[in-house]
Amino acid sequence: MAVQNQVIDRQTVNIETVGKMLGISRPVAYELARRDQLPVPVIRLGRRMVVSKRALEEVLTARKHDDAA
């Protein structure tokens, strides 16, 4: 049986990446995630926390439009 290499397009990003995208530090991003104060819902998988990439992009797009107005 041959194993195929598959490219997986992840639909979530980790909290460190969320912090970078929002322009906040890693510790602040994790603290906001623990308090459920990020502008997007946090998905908890055991001890791991991730955020929907689509939800984060929607928030960033909405803020970009608000800043332009």
Protein backbone atom coordinates (compact mmCIF):
# COMPACT_ATOMS: atom_id res chain seq x y z
CA MET A 1 0.00 0.00 0.00
CA ALA A 2 1.56 3.29 -1.09
CA VAL A 3 1.51 6.29 1.26
CA GLN A 4 0.62 9.52 -0.50
CA ASN A 5 1.97 12.86 0.62
CA GLN A 6 -0.96 15.14 1.18
CA VAL A 7 -0.86 18.86 1.70
CA ILE A 8 -3.29 19.77 4.44
CA ASP A 9 -4.68 23.28 4.36
CA ARG A 10 -5.21 23.94 8.05
CA GLN A 11 -8.37 25.78 8.98
CA THR A 12 -7.03 26.92 12.35
CA VAL A 13 -4.07 28.92 13.62
CA ASN A 14 -2.33 28.74 16.98
CA ILE A 15 -2.44 31.55 19.53
CA GLU A 16 1.12 32.66 18.79
CA THR A 17 0.15 33.24 15.15
CA VAL A 18 -3.01 35.05 16.25
CA GLY A 19 -0.84 37.40 18.29
CA LYS A 20 1.40 38.13 15.30
CA MET A 21 -1.59 38.80 13.06
CA LEU A 22 -3.17 41.12 15.62
CA GLY A 23 0.10 42.88 16.39
CA ILE A 24 0.23 41.83 20.04
CA SER A 25 2.85 39.91 21.97
CA ARG A 26 2.70 36.15 22.50
CA PRO A 27 2.10 36.44 26.28
CA VAL A 28 -0.73 38.94 25.77
CA ALA A 29 -2.30 36.74 23.10
CA TYR A 30 -2.26 33.71 25.42
CA GLU A 31 -3.62 35.72 28.34
CA LEU A 32 -6.48 37.07 26.21
CA ALA A 33 -7.19 33.55 24.92
CA ARG A 34 -7.31 32.15 28.47
CA ARG A 35 -9.78 34.89 29.45
CA ASP A 36 -11.86 34.46 26.25
CA GLN A 37 -11.16 38.09 25.35
CA LEU A 38 -9.81 37.64 21.84
CA PRO A 39 -12.05 39.10 19.12
CA VAL A 40 -12.66 35.53 17.86
CA PRO A 41 -13.77 32.34 19.61
CA VAL A 42 -10.99 30.14 20.99
CA ILE A 43 -11.20 26.41 20.28
CA ARG A 44 -9.73 24.33 23.10
CA LEU A 45 -8.33 20.90 22.28
CA GLY A 46 -7.09 19.60 25.61
CA ARG A 47 -4.38 22.06 26.60
CA ARG A 48 -3.99 23.34 23.05
CA MET A 49 -5.81 26.50 21.96
CA VAL A 50 -6.48 27.43 18.34
CA VAL A 51 -8.62 29.91 16.45
CA SER A 52 -10.52 29.54 13.20
CA LYS A 53 -8.48 31.06 10.39
CA ARG A 54 -11.68 32.19 8.65
CA ALA A 55 -13.03 33.94 11.77
CA LEU A 56 -9.73 35.74 12.31
CA GLU A 57 -9.55 36.86 8.68
CA GLU A 58 -13.13 38.18 8.91
CA VAL A 59 -12.26 40.24 11.99
CA LEU A 60 -9.13 41.63 10.36
CA THR A 61 -11.00 42.46 7.14
CA ALA A 62 -13.80 44.18 9.07
CA ARG A 63 -11.27 46.25 11.03
CA LYS A 64 -9.46 47.20 7.85
CA HIS A 65 -12.75 48.49 6.38
CA ASP A 66 -13.57 50.34 9.63
CA ASP A 67 -10.16 52.04 9.60
CA ALA A 68 -10.63 53.11 5.97
CA ALA A 69 -14.02 54.70 6.67
